[in-house]
C-alpha cells in the first residue's frame, strides 16, 4: 500500500495544497517526541524537495529545539474527505528567525502575522504515501482566529515577553535558539 518517492510530484503538491491541517513531528536524540497540528495559511511547497512553513507563537517551541539538536523532521497530511490518503515528507530543516537575513523573503510568502516566530525551511529527502483507509471523515468548518487575536492583543513587546517565558527551551530543557545572537 505504501509508496515512496524521492521528491514531491504534482499530484502530491495538489493534495498538500487542498488540506486544511498538517502535522509536524520532531525529536531530539533523547527525550520526548513532539507531534503538533498546524493550520491557518502557514505552508508553501516551493519545489519538489522544498517546503517552508511559518510557525506562529504557541505554548511550546519543541520543533526549533529538536532541530538544533538532531536535524530531522516529518510533515504529515491526511485526507478527511473522499480521497483516502496519507502523505508524509521526511527530511531536514533549518529554523529562520526574524533576526536572520532570509526572514523577510520567507515570511513574506504569507500574510502578515504578529505572532510569526520562525519559518522552517524543510529539505525533503523522502515522500511516502499510504492508503489512509482508516482515517475517518470530517468536514472542515473554518479556520479559528483565536491565535491571531491573541498575538494582536499582546503586541510585539508582549510576544517577546511570552517567548522569554515560554519558548526558550523544550519540555526536556534544551535551548530553542529563539534569542540566539541578540
N, C-alpha and C. Protein backbone atom coordinates (compact mmCIF):
# COMPACT_ATOMS: atom_id res chain seq x y z
N UNK A 1 0.81 -1.19 0.00
CA UNK A 1 0.00 0.00 0.00
C UNK A 1 0.86 1.27 0.00
N UNK A 2 1.94 1.29 0.78
CA UNK A 2 2.77 2.49 0.85
C UNK A 2 3.65 2.58 -0.39
N UNK A 3 3.83 3.80 -0.86
CA UNK A 3 4.72 4.07 -1.99
C UNK A 3 5.69 5.17 -1.57
N UNK A 4 6.91 5.05 -2.06
CA UNK A 4 7.94 6.04 -1.71
C UNK A 4 8.45 6.73 -2.97
N UNK A 5 8.80 8.00 -2.78
CA UNK A 5 9.27 8.85 -3.88
C UNK A 5 10.43 9.70 -3.37
N UNK A 6 11.38 10.02 -4.23
CA UNK A 6 12.50 10.87 -3.80
C UNK A 6 12.14 12.36 -3.74
N UNK A 7 10.99 12.71 -4.28
CA UNK A 7 10.58 14.12 -4.33
C UNK A 7 9.06 14.20 -4.48
N UNK A 8 8.53 15.38 -4.24
CA UNK A 8 7.10 15.62 -4.43
C UNK A 8 6.77 15.70 -5.91
N UNK A 9 5.71 15.03 -6.30
CA UNK A 9 5.19 15.14 -7.66
C UNK A 9 4.03 16.14 -7.67
N UNK A 10 3.57 16.50 -8.84
CA UNK A 10 2.49 17.48 -8.95
C UNK A 10 1.24 17.05 -8.18
N UNK A 11 0.89 15.76 -8.23
CA UNK A 11 -0.31 15.30 -7.52
C UNK A 11 -0.12 15.38 -6.01
N UNK A 12 1.11 15.19 -5.53
CA UNK A 12 1.38 15.35 -4.09
C UNK A 12 1.18 16.80 -3.68
N UNK A 13 1.73 17.70 -4.48
CA UNK A 13 1.59 19.13 -4.19
C UNK A 13 0.12 19.54 -4.17
N UNK A 14 -0.64 19.07 -5.14
CA UNK A 14 -2.07 19.39 -5.18
C UNK A 14 -2.78 18.87 -3.94
N UNK A 15 -2.43 17.67 -3.51
CA UNK A 15 -3.03 17.10 -2.31
C UNK A 15 -2.70 17.95 -1.09
N UNK A 16 -1.42 18.30 -0.93
CA UNK A 16 -0.99 19.13 0.20
C UNK A 16 -1.75 20.45 0.21
N UNK A 17 -1.84 21.10 -0.93
CA UNK A 17 -2.48 22.41 -1.01
C UNK A 17 -3.98 22.35 -0.74
N UNK A 18 -4.58 21.18 -0.88
CA UNK A 18 -6.02 21.04 -0.63
C UNK A 18 -6.35 20.76 0.84
N UNK A 19 -5.33 20.46 1.66
CA UNK A 19 -5.58 20.11 3.06
C UNK A 19 -5.64 21.35 3.94
N UNK A 20 -6.45 21.27 4.98
CA UNK A 20 -6.61 22.37 5.93
C UNK A 20 -5.75 22.21 7.18
N UNK A 21 -5.16 21.04 7.35
CA UNK A 21 -4.36 20.76 8.53
C UNK A 21 -3.19 19.86 8.13
N UNK A 22 -2.06 20.05 8.80
CA UNK A 22 -0.96 19.12 8.67
C UNK A 22 -0.34 18.95 10.04
N UNK A 23 0.53 17.96 10.16
CA UNK A 23 1.14 17.64 11.43
C UNK A 23 2.66 17.64 11.26
N UNK A 24 3.35 18.12 12.28
CA UNK A 24 4.80 18.09 12.29
C UNK A 24 5.26 17.11 13.35
N UNK A 25 6.36 16.45 13.07
CA UNK A 25 6.95 15.54 14.04
C UNK A 25 8.45 15.80 14.13
N UNK A 26 8.95 15.86 15.35
CA UNK A 26 10.38 16.06 15.57
C UNK A 26 10.76 15.43 16.90
N UNK A 27 12.07 15.17 17.05
CA UNK A 27 12.57 14.60 18.30
C UNK A 27 14.06 14.83 18.39
N UNK A 28 14.54 15.03 19.58
CA UNK A 28 15.98 15.05 19.83
C UNK A 28 16.43 13.59 19.97
N UNK A 29 17.71 13.38 20.23
CA UNK A 29 18.21 12.01 20.41
C UNK A 29 17.58 11.35 21.65
N UNK A 30 17.35 12.16 22.68
CA UNK A 30 16.72 11.69 23.91
C UNK A 30 15.54 12.60 24.23
N UNK A 31 14.66 12.10 25.05
CA UNK A 31 13.54 12.93 25.49
C UNK A 31 12.27 12.65 24.70
N UNK A 32 11.39 13.60 24.79
CA UNK A 32 10.06 13.44 24.22
C UNK A 32 10.03 13.66 22.71
N UNK A 33 9.15 12.93 22.05
CA UNK A 33 8.85 13.14 20.64
C UNK A 33 7.73 14.15 20.58
N UNK A 34 7.81 15.10 19.66
CA UNK A 34 6.77 16.11 19.53
C UNK A 34 6.00 15.91 18.24
N UNK A 35 4.68 15.88 18.33
CA UNK A 35 3.79 15.88 17.17
C UNK A 35 2.84 17.05 17.37
N UNK A 36 2.74 17.89 16.37
CA UNK A 36 1.96 19.11 16.53
C UNK A 36 1.08 19.36 15.31
N UNK A 37 -0.21 19.65 15.52
CA UNK A 37 -1.07 20.00 14.39
C UNK A 37 -0.84 21.45 14.00
N UNK A 38 -0.92 21.72 12.70
CA UNK A 38 -0.74 23.07 12.18
C UNK A 38 -1.86 23.38 11.21
N UNK A 39 -2.31 24.60 11.27
CA UNK A 39 -3.36 25.04 10.37
C UNK A 39 -3.08 26.44 9.87
N UNK A 40 -4.13 27.18 9.63
CA UNK A 40 -4.06 28.53 9.07
C UNK A 40 -3.28 28.44 7.75
N UNK A 41 -3.06 29.50 7.09
CA UNK A 41 -2.32 29.53 5.83
C UNK A 41 -0.84 29.68 6.17
N UNK A 42 -0.18 28.54 6.48
CA UNK A 42 1.17 28.61 7.03
C UNK A 42 2.18 27.74 6.31
N UNK A 43 1.87 27.23 5.14
CA UNK A 43 2.77 26.32 4.46
C UNK A 43 2.80 26.60 2.97
N UNK A 44 4.00 26.51 2.39
CA UNK A 44 4.18 26.65 0.94
C UNK A 44 5.11 25.54 0.44
N UNK A 45 4.71 24.91 -0.64
CA UNK A 45 5.59 23.98 -1.35
C UNK A 45 6.34 24.82 -2.37
N UNK A 46 7.67 24.93 -2.22
CA UNK A 46 8.47 25.78 -3.10
C UNK A 46 9.17 25.00 -4.20
N UNK A 47 9.12 23.70 -4.14
CA UNK A 47 9.75 22.88 -5.16
C UNK A 47 9.57 21.41 -4.82
N UNK A 48 10.09 20.52 -5.66
CA UNK A 48 9.89 19.08 -5.41
C UNK A 48 10.56 18.58 -4.14
N UNK A 49 11.54 19.31 -3.62
CA UNK A 49 12.22 18.90 -2.40
C UNK A 49 12.30 20.02 -1.37
N UNK A 50 11.42 21.01 -1.48
CA UNK A 50 11.49 22.14 -0.55
C UNK A 50 10.08 22.60 -0.14
N UNK A 51 9.91 22.67 1.17
CA UNK A 51 8.67 23.16 1.77
C UNK A 51 9.07 24.17 2.83
N UNK A 52 8.34 25.28 2.92
CA UNK A 52 8.52 26.18 4.04
C UNK A 52 7.21 26.28 4.79
N UNK A 53 7.33 26.35 6.11
CA UNK A 53 6.15 26.57 6.92
C UNK A 53 6.49 27.60 7.98
N UNK A 54 5.56 28.55 8.12
CA UNK A 54 5.73 29.60 9.13
C UNK A 54 5.10 29.12 10.42
N UNK A 55 5.90 29.16 11.46
CA UNK A 55 5.50 28.72 12.78
C UNK A 55 5.07 29.94 13.58
N UNK A 56 3.88 29.91 14.09
CA UNK A 56 3.36 31.01 14.90
C UNK A 56 3.64 30.74 16.38
N UNK A 57 3.67 31.79 17.16
CA UNK A 57 3.91 31.68 18.59
C UNK A 57 2.88 30.75 19.21
N UNK A 58 3.36 29.83 20.02
CA UNK A 58 2.48 28.89 20.69
C UNK A 58 3.02 28.56 22.06
N UNK A 59 2.38 27.60 22.69
CA UNK A 59 2.71 27.27 24.06
C UNK A 59 4.09 26.66 24.21
N UNK A 60 4.61 26.05 23.19
CA UNK A 60 5.94 25.46 23.23
C UNK A 60 6.70 25.81 21.97
N UNK A 61 7.95 25.37 21.93
CA UNK A 61 8.82 25.64 20.78
C UNK A 61 9.67 24.41 20.52
N UNK A 62 9.02 23.26 20.57
CA UNK A 62 9.72 21.98 20.51
C UNK A 62 10.48 21.77 19.20
N UNK A 63 9.86 22.08 18.08
CA UNK A 63 10.50 21.81 16.79
C UNK A 63 11.84 22.51 16.68
N UNK A 64 11.89 23.78 17.03
CA UNK A 64 13.15 24.53 16.94
C UNK A 64 14.22 23.91 17.83
N UNK A 65 13.84 23.54 19.04
CA UNK A 65 14.80 22.92 19.95
C UNK A 65 15.27 21.56 19.48
N UNK A 66 14.36 20.77 18.93
CA UNK A 66 14.75 19.46 18.43
C UNK A 66 15.67 19.58 17.22
N UNK A 67 15.33 20.48 16.29
CA UNK A 67 16.17 20.64 15.09
C UNK A 67 17.57 21.12 15.43
N UNK A 68 17.70 21.91 16.48
CA UNK A 68 19.02 22.38 16.90
C UNK A 68 19.89 21.22 17.40
N UNK A 69 19.25 20.15 17.86
CA UNK A 69 19.98 19.00 18.38
C UNK A 69 20.16 17.90 17.34
N UNK A 70 19.08 17.55 16.67
CA UNK A 70 19.07 16.49 15.66
C UNK A 70 18.24 17.00 14.49
N UNK A 71 18.89 17.21 13.37
CA UNK A 71 18.20 17.84 12.24
C UNK A 71 17.43 16.80 11.43
N UNK A 72 16.21 16.54 11.89
CA UNK A 72 15.29 15.67 11.16
C UNK A 72 13.87 16.11 11.49
N UNK A 73 13.01 15.98 10.51
CA UNK A 73 11.63 16.42 10.67
C UNK A 73 10.73 15.58 9.76
N UNK A 74 9.50 15.41 10.18
CA UNK A 74 8.49 14.77 9.35
C UNK A 74 7.27 15.68 9.32
N UNK A 75 6.73 15.89 8.13
CA UNK A 75 5.46 16.59 7.95
C UNK A 75 4.47 15.56 7.43
N UNK A 76 3.23 15.62 7.92
CA UNK A 76 2.23 14.65 7.50
C UNK A 76 0.88 15.32 7.24
N UNK A 77 0.25 14.90 6.18
CA UNK A 77 -1.11 15.31 5.83
C UNK A 77 -1.95 14.05 5.69
N UNK A 78 -3.21 14.14 6.07
CA UNK A 78 -4.12 13.04 5.80
C UNK A 78 -5.46 13.61 5.37
N UNK A 79 -6.07 12.91 4.46
CA UNK A 79 -7.34 13.36 3.92
C UNK A 79 -8.48 12.92 4.83
N UNK A 80 -9.33 13.87 5.15
CA UNK A 80 -10.54 13.57 5.91
C UNK A 80 -11.77 13.61 5.02
N UNK A 81 -11.54 13.71 3.71
CA UNK A 81 -12.63 13.81 2.74
C UNK A 81 -12.64 12.55 1.87
N UNK A 82 -13.21 12.63 0.70
CA UNK A 82 -13.47 11.47 -0.14
C UNK A 82 -12.22 10.69 -0.53
N UNK A 83 -11.13 11.36 -0.85
CA UNK A 83 -9.92 10.67 -1.30
C UNK A 83 -9.10 10.20 -0.10
N UNK A 84 -9.11 8.90 0.23
CA UNK A 84 -8.30 8.45 1.36
C UNK A 84 -6.82 8.45 0.98
N UNK A 85 -6.02 9.16 1.77
CA UNK A 85 -4.59 9.23 1.51
C UNK A 85 -3.89 9.82 2.72
N UNK A 86 -2.73 9.30 3.02
CA UNK A 86 -1.81 9.88 4.00
C UNK A 86 -0.53 10.17 3.23
N UNK A 87 0.02 11.35 3.41
CA UNK A 87 1.26 11.74 2.74
C UNK A 87 2.22 12.26 3.80
N UNK A 88 3.43 11.70 3.80
CA UNK A 88 4.47 12.13 4.72
C UNK A 88 5.68 12.61 3.93
N UNK A 89 6.27 13.70 4.41
CA UNK A 89 7.53 14.19 3.87
C UNK A 89 8.57 14.12 4.98
N UNK A 90 9.64 13.41 4.71
CA UNK A 90 10.74 13.25 5.66
C UNK A 90 11.91 14.10 5.19
N UNK A 91 12.63 14.68 6.13
CA UNK A 91 13.79 15.44 5.72
C UNK A 91 14.46 16.16 6.87
N UNK A 92 15.10 17.25 6.51
CA UNK A 92 15.80 18.10 7.46
C UNK A 92 15.24 19.51 7.33
N UNK A 93 15.58 20.37 8.29
CA UNK A 93 15.05 21.73 8.22
C UNK A 93 15.96 22.67 8.98
N UNK A 94 15.86 23.93 8.63
CA UNK A 94 16.55 24.96 9.40
C UNK A 94 15.51 25.98 9.83
N UNK A 95 15.70 26.47 11.03
CA UNK A 95 14.81 27.49 11.58
C UNK A 95 15.33 28.86 11.19
N UNK A 96 14.46 29.65 10.58
CA UNK A 96 14.80 31.03 10.25
C UNK A 96 13.99 31.92 11.19
N UNK A 97 14.71 32.81 11.89
CA UNK A 97 14.10 33.71 12.87
C UNK A 97 14.02 35.12 12.31
N UNK A 98 13.23 35.99 12.93
CA UNK A 98 13.14 37.38 12.45
C UNK A 98 14.49 38.09 12.36
N UNK A 99 15.49 37.66 13.10
CA UNK A 99 16.82 38.28 13.06
C UNK A 99 17.65 37.83 11.86
N UNK A 100 17.23 36.78 11.16
CA UNK A 100 18.02 36.19 10.08
C UNK A 100 17.81 36.91 8.75
N UNK A 101 18.84 36.91 7.92
CA UNK A 101 18.84 37.65 6.66
C UNK A 101 17.72 37.22 5.72
N UNK A 102 17.38 35.95 5.68
CA UNK A 102 16.34 35.49 4.75
C UNK A 102 14.94 35.47 5.36
N UNK A 103 14.79 36.03 6.56
CA UNK A 103 13.47 36.10 7.19
C UNK A 103 12.45 36.85 6.33
N UNK A 104 12.78 38.03 5.88
CA UNK A 104 11.81 38.87 5.16
C UNK A 104 11.29 38.16 3.91
N UNK A 105 12.17 37.53 3.17
CA UNK A 105 11.75 36.86 1.94
C UNK A 105 10.83 35.67 2.24
N UNK A 106 11.17 34.86 3.24
CA UNK A 106 10.36 33.68 3.52
C UNK A 106 9.09 34.02 4.27
N UNK A 107 9.18 34.89 5.26
CA UNK A 107 7.97 35.31 5.98
C UNK A 107 7.03 36.06 5.03
N UNK A 108 7.60 36.73 4.04
CA UNK A 108 6.81 37.47 3.07
C UNK A 108 5.96 36.60 2.16
N UNK A 109 6.16 35.30 2.20
CA UNK A 109 5.32 34.39 1.42
C UNK A 109 3.91 34.25 2.03
N UNK A 110 3.75 34.79 3.24
CA UNK A 110 2.50 34.65 3.97
C UNK A 110 1.94 36.02 4.32
N UNK A 111 0.66 36.07 4.61
CA UNK A 111 0.04 37.31 5.09
C UNK A 111 0.71 37.70 6.41
N UNK A 112 0.83 38.99 6.68
CA UNK A 112 1.47 39.41 7.93
C UNK A 112 0.78 38.80 9.16
N UNK A 113 1.59 38.46 10.16
CA UNK A 113 1.06 37.91 11.40
C UNK A 113 1.93 38.39 12.56
N UNK A 114 1.32 38.99 13.57
CA UNK A 114 2.11 39.47 14.70
C UNK A 114 2.74 38.35 15.52
N UNK A 115 2.25 37.14 15.38
CA UNK A 115 2.77 36.02 16.16
C UNK A 115 3.80 35.18 15.43
N UNK A 116 4.23 35.60 14.24
CA UNK A 116 5.21 34.81 13.49
C UNK A 116 6.49 34.66 14.30
N UNK A 117 6.93 33.44 14.51
CA UNK A 117 8.07 33.15 15.38
C UNK A 117 9.26 32.62 14.59
N UNK A 118 9.03 31.68 13.71
CA UNK A 118 10.06 31.12 12.85
C UNK A 118 9.43 30.75 11.52
N UNK A 119 10.28 30.60 10.53
CA UNK A 119 9.92 29.91 9.31
C UNK A 119 10.86 28.71 9.24
N UNK A 120 10.30 27.54 9.07
CA UNK A 120 11.11 26.35 8.91
C UNK A 120 11.25 26.04 7.43
N UNK A 121 12.48 25.98 6.97
CA UNK A 121 12.80 25.69 5.58
C UNK A 121 13.18 24.22 5.52
N UNK A 122 12.28 23.42 4.98
CA UNK A 122 12.40 21.96 5.01
C UNK A 122 12.96 21.45 3.68
N UNK A 123 13.99 20.64 3.77
CA UNK A 123 14.52 19.92 2.61
C UNK A 123 13.99 18.50 2.69
N UNK A 124 13.20 18.13 1.71
CA UNK A 124 12.54 16.82 1.69
C UNK A 124 13.46 15.82 0.98
N UNK A 125 13.73 14.69 1.66
CA UNK A 125 14.54 13.65 1.01
C UNK A 125 13.76 12.37 0.76
N UNK A 126 12.55 12.28 1.30
CA UNK A 126 11.69 11.11 1.06
C UNK A 126 10.24 11.53 1.21
N UNK A 127 9.43 11.11 0.24
CA UNK A 127 7.98 11.30 0.28
C UNK A 127 7.37 9.91 0.32
N UNK A 128 6.43 9.73 1.23
CA UNK A 128 5.76 8.43 1.31
C UNK A 128 4.25 8.65 1.35
N UNK A 129 3.55 7.90 0.53
CA UNK A 129 2.08 7.90 0.58
C UNK A 129 1.62 6.55 1.10
N UNK A 130 0.49 6.56 1.78
CA UNK A 130 -0.14 5.32 2.20
C UNK A 130 -1.65 5.51 2.09
N UNK A 131 -2.37 4.43 2.27
CA UNK A 131 -3.79 4.39 1.90
C UNK A 131 -4.70 5.35 2.66
N UNK A 132 -4.55 5.47 3.94
CA UNK A 132 -5.46 6.32 4.70
C UNK A 132 -6.86 5.75 4.85
N UNK A 133 -7.02 4.48 4.63
CA UNK A 133 -8.35 3.87 4.67
C UNK A 133 -8.99 3.93 6.06
N UNK A 134 -8.20 4.02 7.11
CA UNK A 134 -8.75 4.04 8.47
C UNK A 134 -8.96 5.46 9.00
N UNK A 135 -8.60 6.48 8.21
CA UNK A 135 -8.79 7.87 8.64
C UNK A 135 -10.28 8.22 8.48
N UNK A 136 -10.91 8.70 9.55
CA UNK A 136 -12.35 8.99 9.47
C UNK A 136 -12.65 10.21 8.61
N UNK A 137 -13.89 10.36 8.23
CA UNK A 137 -14.37 11.54 7.52
C UNK A 137 -14.61 12.67 8.52
N UNK A 138 -14.20 13.87 8.16
CA UNK A 138 -14.51 15.08 8.92
C UNK A 138 -14.80 16.17 7.92
N UNK A 139 -15.64 17.11 8.31
CA UNK A 139 -15.92 18.26 7.47
C UNK A 139 -15.22 19.48 8.02
N UNK A 140 -14.62 20.26 7.13
CA UNK A 140 -13.95 21.49 7.51
C UNK A 140 -15.01 22.57 7.74
N UNK A 141 -14.99 23.17 8.93
CA UNK A 141 -15.98 24.20 9.27
C UNK A 141 -15.41 25.61 9.19
N UNK A 142 -14.09 25.73 9.15
CA UNK A 142 -13.47 27.05 9.06
C UNK A 142 -12.23 27.14 9.93
N UNK A 143 -11.48 28.22 9.70
CA UNK A 143 -10.27 28.47 10.49
C UNK A 143 -10.65 29.13 11.81
N UNK A 144 -9.87 28.90 12.83
CA UNK A 144 -10.02 29.61 14.10
C UNK A 144 -9.20 30.89 14.01
N UNK A 145 -9.69 31.96 14.58
CA UNK A 145 -8.94 33.22 14.59
C UNK A 145 -8.38 33.54 15.98
N UNK A 146 -8.47 32.60 16.90
CA UNK A 146 -8.08 32.82 18.29
C UNK A 146 -6.59 33.15 18.42
N UNK A 147 -5.73 32.41 17.73
CA UNK A 147 -4.29 32.62 17.86
C UNK A 147 -3.89 33.99 17.32
N UNK A 148 -4.44 34.39 16.19
CA UNK A 148 -4.13 35.70 15.62
C UNK A 148 -4.59 36.83 16.56
N UNK A 149 -5.80 36.70 17.10
CA UNK A 149 -6.30 37.72 18.03
C UNK A 149 -5.46 37.78 19.30
N UNK A 150 -5.06 36.61 19.79
CA UNK A 150 -4.20 36.54 20.98
C UNK A 150 -2.91 37.30 20.73
N UNK A 151 -2.27 37.06 19.59
CA UNK A 151 -1.00 37.73 19.26
C UNK A 151 -1.21 39.23 19.07
N UNK A 152 -2.27 39.63 18.39
CA UNK A 152 -2.56 41.05 18.20
C UNK A 152 -2.76 41.75 19.54
N UNK A 153 -3.48 41.11 20.45
CA UNK A 153 -3.73 41.70 21.77
C UNK A 153 -2.46 41.84 22.60
N UNK A 154 -1.53 40.93 22.45
CA UNK A 154 -0.26 41.01 23.18
C UNK A 154 0.64 42.09 22.64
N UNK A 155 0.64 42.28 21.31
CA UNK A 155 1.53 43.24 20.69
C UNK A 155 2.97 42.74 20.67
N UNK A 156 3.87 43.43 19.97
CA UNK A 156 5.26 42.96 19.83
C UNK A 156 5.98 42.76 21.16
N UNK A 157 5.83 43.67 22.09
CA UNK A 157 6.51 43.53 23.38
C UNK A 157 5.95 42.35 24.16
N UNK A 158 4.66 42.16 24.10
CA UNK A 158 4.04 41.03 24.80
C UNK A 158 4.44 39.69 24.20
N UNK A 159 4.58 39.65 22.88
CA UNK A 159 5.03 38.42 22.22
C UNK A 159 6.46 38.10 22.65
N UNK A 160 7.33 39.10 22.63
CA UNK A 160 8.72 38.89 23.05
C UNK A 160 8.78 38.40 24.50
N UNK A 161 7.98 38.98 25.36
CA UNK A 161 7.94 38.55 26.76
C UNK A 161 7.46 37.10 26.85
N UNK A 162 6.47 36.75 26.05
CA UNK A 162 5.97 35.37 26.04
C UNK A 162 7.07 34.42 25.59
N UNK A 163 7.81 34.79 24.53
CA UNK A 163 8.93 33.95 24.07
C UNK A 163 9.92 33.73 25.20
N UNK A 164 10.25 34.82 25.93
CA UNK A 164 11.21 34.70 27.04
C UNK A 164 10.69 33.75 28.12
N UNK A 165 9.40 33.79 28.39
CA UNK A 165 8.81 33.00 29.44
C UNK A 165 8.54 31.55 29.03
N UNK A 166 8.08 31.34 27.80
CA UNK A 166 7.55 30.03 27.41
C UNK A 166 8.28 29.33 26.26
N UNK A 167 9.11 30.04 25.49
CA UNK A 167 9.62 29.46 24.24
C UNK A 167 11.13 29.30 24.16
N UNK A 168 11.87 29.53 25.26
CA UNK A 168 13.33 29.45 25.20
C UNK A 168 13.88 28.04 25.34
N UNK A 169 13.08 27.11 25.84
CA UNK A 169 13.57 25.74 25.98
C UNK A 169 12.44 24.76 25.68
N UNK A 170 12.85 23.56 25.34
CA UNK A 170 11.89 22.49 25.08
C UNK A 170 11.36 21.93 26.40
N UNK A 171 10.42 21.04 26.32
CA UNK A 171 9.90 20.37 27.51
C UNK A 171 11.00 19.64 28.28
N UNK A 172 12.03 19.21 27.55
CA UNK A 172 13.15 18.50 28.16
C UNK A 172 14.29 19.42 28.55
N UNK A 173 14.10 20.74 28.43
CA UNK A 173 15.08 21.71 28.88
C UNK A 173 16.15 22.10 27.87
N UNK A 174 16.04 21.67 26.62
CA UNK A 174 17.02 22.03 25.60
C UNK A 174 16.73 23.42 25.05
N UNK A 175 17.75 24.19 24.69
CA UNK A 175 17.52 25.52 24.15
C UNK A 175 16.89 25.48 22.76
N UNK A 176 16.03 26.45 22.48
CA UNK A 176 15.36 26.51 21.18
C UNK A 176 16.01 27.49 20.22
N UNK A 177 16.92 28.34 20.71
CA UNK A 177 17.60 29.29 19.84
C UNK A 177 16.80 30.53 19.53
N UNK A 178 15.68 30.73 20.18
CA UNK A 178 14.82 31.86 19.82
C UNK A 178 15.49 33.21 20.07
N UNK A 179 16.41 33.29 21.02
CA UNK A 179 17.09 34.55 21.30
C UNK A 179 18.58 34.50 21.01
N UNK A 180 19.06 33.49 20.31
CA UNK A 180 20.48 33.42 19.96
C UNK A 180 20.91 34.66 19.17
N UNK A 181 22.10 35.12 19.42
CA UNK A 181 22.72 36.23 18.66
C UNK A 181 21.97 37.55 18.79
N UNK A 182 21.19 37.73 19.83
CA UNK A 182 20.50 39.02 20.02
C UNK A 182 21.24 39.86 21.03
